[in-house]
Protein backbone atom coordinates (compact mmCIF):
# COMPACT_ATOMS: atom_id res chain seq x y z
CA UNK A 1 0.00 0.00 0.00
CA UNK A 2 3.02 2.30 0.25
CA UNK A 3 4.16 4.52 3.05
CA UNK A 4 1.12 5.83 4.96
CA UNK A 5 0.71 8.98 7.03
CA UNK A 6 0.13 8.46 10.71
CA UNK A 7 -3.48 8.46 11.83
CA UNK A 8 -6.12 6.86 13.99
CA UNK A 9 -7.12 3.24 13.52
CA UNK A 10 -10.68 2.10 12.74
CA UNK A 11 -12.43 -0.33 15.07
CA UNK A 12 -15.47 -2.57 15.12
CA UNK A 13 -18.44 -1.83 17.37
CA UNK A 14 -20.67 -4.19 19.32
CA UNK A 15 -24.29 -3.00 19.64
CA UNK A 16 -26.73 -2.63 22.50
CA UNK A 17 -29.91 -4.68 22.01
CA UNK A 18 -33.56 -3.75 22.60
CA UNK A 19 -36.33 -6.29 23.30
CA UNK A 20 -39.37 -4.24 22.29
CA UNK A 21 -42.47 -6.42 21.99
CA UNK A 22 -42.89 -5.97 18.22
CA UNK A 23 -39.44 -7.39 17.36
CA UNK A 24 -38.40 -10.77 15.98
CA UNK A 25 -35.18 -12.79 15.75
CA UNK A 26 -33.79 -11.85 12.34
CA UNK A 27 -31.03 -9.72 13.82
CA UNK A 28 -29.69 -12.83 15.52
CA UNK A 29 -30.51 -15.21 12.67
CA UNK A 30 -29.44 -13.06 9.70
CA UNK A 31 -26.75 -10.90 11.28
CA UNK A 32 -25.34 -13.24 13.97
CA UNK A 33 -25.71 -10.65 16.72
CA UNK A 34 -25.63 -13.33 19.46
CA UNK A 35 -27.66 -11.17 21.81
CA UNK A 36 -29.70 -13.15 24.33
CA UNK A 37 -33.02 -11.36 23.83
CA UNK A 38 -36.31 -12.69 22.52
CA UNK A 39 -37.61 -10.70 20.81
CA UNK A 40 -34.62 -8.73 19.56
CA UNK A 41 -36.24 -5.67 18.00
CA UNK A 42 -33.32 -3.27 17.56
CA UNK A 43 -29.54 -3.20 17.75
CA UNK A 44 -27.97 0.20 18.35
CA UNK A 45 -24.87 -0.29 16.23
CA UNK A 46 -23.18 3.09 16.67
CA UNK A 47 -24.37 4.96 19.71
CA UNK A 48 -23.12 7.18 22.50
CA UNK A 49 -26.69 7.69 23.72
CA UNK A 50 -27.08 6.72 27.41
CA UNK A 51 -30.14 4.55 26.63
CA UNK A 52 -28.01 2.17 24.58
CA UNK A 53 -24.23 2.45 24.41
CA UNK A 54 -22.29 0.55 21.76
CA UNK A 55 -18.92 -0.88 22.79
CA UNK A 56 -15.65 -1.47 20.98
CA UNK A 57 -14.90 -5.01 19.81
CA UNK A 58 -11.20 -5.80 19.53
CA UNK A 59 -8.08 -3.68 19.37
CA UNK A 60 -6.73 -1.11 21.80
CA UNK A 61 -10.14 -0.06 23.14
CA UNK A 62 -11.71 -3.52 23.37
CA UNK A 63 -14.64 -3.59 25.81
CA UNK A 64 -14.80 0.17 26.31
CA UNK A 65 -17.97 2.03 25.41
CA UNK A 66 -17.81 4.23 22.36
CA UNK A 67 -18.79 7.12 24.62
CA UNK A 68 -15.71 6.53 26.82
CA UNK A 69 -13.44 6.26 23.78
CA UNK A 70 -14.75 9.55 22.40
CA UNK A 71 -14.31 11.17 25.82
CA UNK A 72 -10.64 10.13 25.76
CA UNK A 73 -10.17 11.01 22.07
CA UNK A 74 -12.62 13.72 20.99
CA UNK A 75 -10.37 14.32 17.99
CA UNK A 76 -11.80 11.08 16.55
CA UNK A 77 -14.98 13.04 15.80
CA UNK A 78 -13.22 15.52 13.53
CA UNK A 79 -13.00 19.28 13.44
CA UNK A 80 -16.75 19.78 12.99
CA UNK A 81 -17.77 17.71 16.02
CA UNK A 82 -14.79 17.49 18.37
CA UNK A 83 -16.31 19.98 20.82
CA UNK A 84 -19.44 17.83 21.19
CA UNK A 85 -17.55 14.90 22.75
CA UNK A 86 -20.37 12.60 21.62
CA UNK A 87 -21.66 11.12 18.38
CA UNK A 88 -24.45 13.38 17.05
CA UNK A 89 -26.12 10.50 15.20
CA UNK A 90 -27.33 7.01 16.11
CA UNK A 91 -27.32 4.01 13.74
CA UNK A 92 -29.62 0.99 14.19
CA UNK A 93 -30.83 -2.24 12.67
CA UNK A 94 -34.58 -2.76 13.18
CA UNK A 95 -36.52 -6.04 12.81
CA UNK A 96 -40.27 -5.48 12.78
CA UNK A 97 -42.02 -8.82 13.21
CA UNK A 98 -45.16 -6.85 14.12
CA UNK A 99 -46.23 -3.29 13.42
CA UNK A 100 -44.44 -0.59 15.39
CA UNK A 101 -46.58 1.94 17.21
CA UNK A 102 -47.83 5.00 15.35
CA UNK A 103 -45.56 7.74 16.65
CA UNK A 104 -43.94 11.09 16.09
CA UNK A 105 -40.63 12.70 17.08
CA UNK A 106 -40.10 16.33 18.12
CA UNK A 107 -37.91 18.89 16.41
CA UNK A 108 -34.62 20.05 17.90
CA UNK A 109 -36.21 23.31 18.97
CA UNK A 110 -39.11 21.65 20.80
CA UNK A 111 -36.88 19.02 22.43
CA UNK A 112 -34.38 21.60 23.60
CA UNK A 113 -37.12 23.66 25.25
CA UNK A 114 -39.35 20.90 26.63
CA UNK A 115 -37.06 17.87 27.04
CA UNK A 116 -34.15 19.26 29.08
CA UNK A 117 -31.99 20.32 26.16
CA UNK A 118 -32.13 17.02 24.28
CA UNK A 119 -31.98 16.65 20.51
CA UNK A 120 -35.06 16.11 18.42
CA UNK A 121 -35.21 13.27 15.95
CA UNK A 122 -35.08 13.30 12.17
CA UNK A 123 -34.30 9.90 10.67
CA UNK A 124 -33.76 7.92 7.50
CA UNK A 125 -34.74 4.32 6.76
CA UNK A 126 -33.03 2.03 4.27
CA UNK A 127 -35.13 -1.10 3.68
CA UNK A 128 -32.90 -4.17 3.80
CA UNK A 129 -35.76 -6.62 3.29
CA UNK A 130 -39.55 -6.58 3.25
CA UNK A 131 -42.10 -9.37 3.18
CA UNK A 132 -44.94 -9.40 0.65
CA UNK A 133 -47.48 -6.77 1.58
CA UNK A 134 -45.16 -4.91 3.97
CA UNK A 135 -45.90 -1.21 4.37
CA UNK A 136 -45.26 1.80 6.53
CA UNK A 137 -47.21 4.76 7.84
CA UNK A 138 -46.14 8.12 6.44
CA UNK A 139 -48.23 11.04 7.68
CA UNK A 140 -51.94 11.65 7.22
CA UNK A 141 -54.07 11.24 4.10
CA UNK A 142 -55.63 14.69 4.52
CA UNK A 143 -55.39 17.88 6.56
CA UNK A 144 -56.99 17.93 9.97
CA UNK A 145 -57.15 20.12 13.06
CA UNK A 146 -55.84 19.17 16.47
CA UNK A 147 -59.43 18.70 17.63
CA UNK A 148 -60.23 16.37 14.73
CA UNK A 149 -57.02 14.42 15.24
CA UNK A 150 -57.79 13.94 18.92
CA UNK A 151 -61.29 12.76 18.07
CA UNK A 152 -59.85 10.13 15.65
CA UNK A 153 -57.73 8.80 18.51
CA UNK A 154 -60.47 8.83 21.14
CA UNK A 155 -63.00 7.18 18.81
CA UNK A 156 -60.56 4.48 17.69
CA UNK A 157 -60.68 5.68 14.07
CA UNK A 158 -57.10 6.90 13.59
CA UNK A 159 -56.01 4.10 11.29
CA UNK A 160 -58.45 5.06 8.53
CA UNK A 161 -56.88 8.55 8.34
CA UNK A 162 -53.24 7.39 8.13
CA UNK A 163 -51.34 7.18 4.86
CA UNK A 164 -50.03 3.67 4.21
CA UNK A 165 -47.15 3.21 1.76
CA UNK A 166 -46.04 -0.18 0.37
CA UNK A 167 -42.34 -0.89 0.75
CA UNK A 168 -39.80 -3.18 -0.85
CA UNK A 169 -36.14 -4.04 -0.50
CA UNK A 170 -33.76 -1.16 -1.34
CA UNK A 171 -36.32 1.59 -0.69
CA UNK A 172 -35.24 4.77 1.12
CA UNK A 173 -37.47 6.96 3.30
CA UNK A 174 -36.61 10.27 4.93
CA UNK A 175 -38.70 10.96 8.05
CA UNK A 176 -38.47 14.56 9.16
CA UNK A 177 -39.27 15.40 12.78
CA UNK A 178 -42.99 16.06 13.20
CA UNK A 179 -43.98 13.40 10.65
CA UNK A 180 -46.44 10.81 11.98
CA UNK A 181 -45.02 7.42 11.04
CA UNK A 182 -44.66 3.71 11.79
CA UNK A 183 -42.65 0.82 10.39
CA UNK A 184 -44.94 -2.06 9.44
CA UNK A 185 -44.67 -5.79 10.08
CA UNK A 186 -42.24 -7.69 7.87
CA UNK A 187 -39.71 -4.89 7.43
CA UNK A 188 -35.99 -5.20 8.13
CA UNK A 189 -34.51 -1.72 8.22
CA UNK A 190 -31.27 0.17 8.77
CA UNK A 191 -32.02 3.47 10.48
CA UNK A 192 -29.79 6.53 10.65
CA UNK A 193 -31.07 9.25 12.96
CA UNK A 194 -30.14 12.07 15.27
CA UNK A 195 -28.79 10.83 18.60
CA UNK A 196 -32.13 10.94 20.40
CA UNK A 197 -34.55 8.51 22.00
CA UNK A 198 -37.52 10.87 22.16
CA UNK A 199 -40.63 9.13 20.82
CA UNK A 200 -44.19 10.29 21.37
CA UNK A 201 -46.44 7.25 20.96
CA UNK A 202 -49.85 8.08 19.47
CA UNK A 203 -51.46 4.67 18.90
CA UNK A 204 -50.34 1.15 19.77
CA UNK A 205 -53.18 -1.18 18.72
CA UNK A 206 -54.16 -1.66 22.41
CA UNK A 207 -51.20 -3.99 22.91
CA UNK A 208 -49.91 -4.90 26.35
CA UNK A 209 -46.30 -5.29 27.44
CA UNK A 210 -44.71 -8.34 29.10
CA UNK A 211 -46.26 -7.24 32.40
CA UNK A 212 -49.74 -7.17 30.91
CA UNK A 213 -49.98 -3.37 30.91
CA UNK A 214 -50.93 -1.08 28.06
CA UNK A 215 -47.92 0.82 26.81
CA UNK A 216 -47.85 4.51 27.61
CA UNK A 217 -49.16 6.97 25.04
CA UNK A 218 -48.00 10.58 24.74
CA UNK A 219 -50.98 12.24 23.10
CA UNK A 220 -50.55 15.75 24.53
CA UNK A 221 -46.95 16.10 23.36
CA UNK A 222 -47.73 14.45 20.04
CA UNK A 223 -50.44 17.03 19.38
CA UNK A 224 -47.91 19.81 19.96
CA UNK A 225 -45.31 18.54 17.48
CA UNK A 226 -47.21 16.58 14.78
CA UNK A 227 -47.58 17.79 11.22
CA UNK A 228 -51.35 17.48 10.70
CA UNK A 229 -51.26 18.41 7.02
CA UNK A 230 -52.03 15.76 4.47
CA UNK A 231 -48.76 14.55 2.91
CA UNK A 232 -48.04 13.36 -0.58
CA UNK A 233 -47.09 9.71 -0.76
CA UNK A 234 -43.28 9.54 -0.77
CA UNK A 235 -41.87 8.45 -4.12
CA UNK A 236 -38.54 6.74 -4.54
CA UNK A 237 -36.11 9.25 -5.99
CA UNK A 238 -33.98 8.45 -8.99
CA UNK A 239 -30.67 7.13 -7.71
CA UNK A 240 -27.52 6.76 -9.78
CA UNK A 241 -24.88 4.11 -9.16
CA UNK A 242 -21.46 5.50 -10.03
CA UNK A 243 -18.98 2.77 -10.88
CA UNK A 244 -15.24 2.74 -10.27
CA UNK A 245 -12.66 -0.06 -10.19
CA UNK A 246 -14.03 -2.63 -7.77
CA UNK A 247 -16.69 -0.39 -6.24
CA UNK A 248 -20.02 1.28 -6.98
CA UNK A 249 -21.47 4.12 -4.93
CA UNK A 250 -24.81 5.93 -4.76
CA UNK A 251 -26.16 8.70 -2.57
CA UNK A 252 -29.19 7.61 -0.53
CA UNK A 253 -29.85 10.65 1.65
CA UNK A 254 -28.30 13.95 2.62
CA UNK A 255 -29.56 16.43 5.20
CA UNK A 256 -28.05 18.77 7.78
CA UNK A 257 -27.64 15.88 10.23
CA UNK A 258 -26.08 13.13 8.10
CA UNK A 259 -25.14 11.89 4.66
CA UNK A 260 -25.66 8.24 3.71
CA UNK A 261 -24.19 6.49 0.67
CA UNK A 262 -24.57 2.87 -0.37
CA UNK A 263 -21.30 1.24 -1.45
CA UNK A 264 -20.97 -2.08 -3.26
CA UNK A 265 -17.46 -3.54 -3.13
CA UNK A 266 -16.35 -6.40 -5.36
CA UNK A 267 -12.62 -7.08 -5.69
CA UNK A 268 -12.90 -10.48 -7.37
CA UNK A 269 -10.73 -9.10 -10.18
CA UNK A 270 -8.20 -7.79 -7.63
CA UNK A 271 -8.82 -4.10 -8.08
CA UNK A 272 -7.54 -1.89 -5.31
CA UNK A 273 -10.41 -0.19 -3.50
CA UNK A 274 -9.23 2.53 -1.14
CA UNK A 275 -11.31 4.35 1.44
CA UNK A 276 -10.16 7.79 2.52
CA UNK A 277 -10.98 9.66 5.71
CA UNK A 278 -10.56 13.39 6.33
CA UNK A 279 -10.06 15.74 9.26
CA UNK A 280 -13.60 17.15 9.23
CA UNK A 281 -15.73 14.23 10.42
CA UNK A 282 -15.74 10.62 11.54
CA UNK A 283 -17.41 7.99 9.31
CA UNK A 284 -19.30 4.78 10.02
CA UNK A 285 -19.43 1.75 7.71
CA UNK A 286 -22.44 -0.51 8.28
CA UNK A 287 -22.14 -3.81 6.40
CA UNK A 288 -25.54 -5.24 5.43
CA UNK A 289 -24.48 -8.00 3.02
CA UNK A 290 -21.45 -10.10 2.13
CA UNK A 291 -18.05 -10.12 3.79
CA UNK A 292 -14.54 -8.83 3.29
CA UNK A 293 -11.51 -7.28 4.94
CA UNK A 294 -10.32 -3.79 5.78
CA UNK A 295 -6.55 -3.36 5.65
CA UNK A 296 -4.34 -0.55 6.94
CA UNK A 297 -0.61 -0.09 7.47
CA UNK A 298 1.19 1.11 10.60
CA UNK A 299 4.20 3.43 10.64
CA UNK A 300 6.51 0.49 9.94
CA UNK A 301 4.50 -0.53 6.86
CA UNK A 302 3.18 -3.64 8.58
CA UNK A 303 -0.28 -4.58 7.38
CA UNK A 304 -3.19 -5.13 9.71
CA UNK A 305 -6.53 -6.66 8.76
CA UNK A 306 -10.05 -6.31 10.15
CA UNK A 307 -12.54 -8.95 8.99
CA UNK A 308 -15.95 -7.56 8.07
CA UNK A 309 -19.10 -9.70 7.98
CA UNK A 310 -22.75 -9.04 7.29
CA UNK A 311 -24.12 -7.02 10.21
CA UNK A 312 -20.80 -5.54 11.32
CA UNK A 313 -20.33 -1.84 12.08
CA UNK A 314 -16.94 -0.16 11.68
CA UNK A 315 -16.13 3.22 13.20
CA UNK A 316 -13.61 5.20 11.14
CA UNK A 317 -12.14 8.11 13.15
CA UNK A 318 -11.48 11.44 11.49
CA UNK A 319 -8.00 11.48 9.97
CA UNK A 320 -7.89 7.69 10.00
CA UNK A 321 -5.18 5.79 8.22
CA UNK A 322 -5.93 5.07 4.59
CA UNK A 323 -7.98 1.89 4.29
CA UNK A 324 -7.93 -0.76 1.60
CA UNK A 325 -11.11 -2.79 1.10
CA UNK A 326 -11.13 -6.35 -0.22
CA UNK A 327 -13.92 -8.84 -0.72
CA UNK A 328 -17.50 -8.76 -1.88
CA UNK A 329 -19.70 -6.81 0.50
CA UNK A 330 -22.24 -4.00 0.59
CA UNK A 331 -22.36 -1.30 3.24
CA UNK A 332 -23.83 2.04 4.16
CA UNK A 333 -21.22 4.78 4.37
CA UNK A 334 -22.52 7.24 6.98
CA UNK A 335 -20.94 10.59 7.74
CA UNK A 336 -22.00 13.89 9.30
């Protein structure tokens, strides 16, 4: 690979698991998470959020939380985020065996004022798989007032006013804060979001938790933050795969919080595929199919390899050493 500049070293992350009642077991079965939860609804792959901290797997920081590593090395975040001393985004896998609750997330401004300075939550979904007939909720079918919306909830008629959108593998959805939404049964999703766990639950199909209690709803707050305008059904935007030697890349989503690209690596013909970092921001590589290796050189030109498998999450610090990718695998390239 030639003489490399000095720089930080990438490392794998181990997720925190969530056993929400609507989850299944695909994250264990398909992604070998080996988390002893049933159901296993979500894995928080890259997170410094206190409700679910990811930890480092292997290397110098093995077993430490990502939050502790960033506290010791805020420079890993890059010039744009070093002062934060935390990751401003959160990356998840989600397995919806059943429908998620109909919910809404607040904006940054509302959360800061009403939720003790927390972030709001805008998010993006990339559909990894979807069963026949799978769908999601995206906003309302028509405009309504707060009074009308509350009456739909109280009279048990909300579902007929929601907009349902069919989904399929490889779809992308951008969910801005304030948008009423829900992931439907049969969806396997990668989610990239602001680092927030603020969810205002509007409707939950009268389900009970493992203790036999109805789950809490947050109607008052939801009424304050929800967009009650009828929304157009989201259409899949034209996406362009740009091909280079051994790799193809396409932009999935870009907003003020994150940028997400899909990268398809195939070095069967031995092309060199290099991945470059910069000093401005960290990056996260989330492998959702295939396997391969990530190679870097130390100051003495000795090569080091990190094996990457389906379901793995690799944190690439700002100003990381130059990486060489080998194998046949697909991943989301997430940056701020």
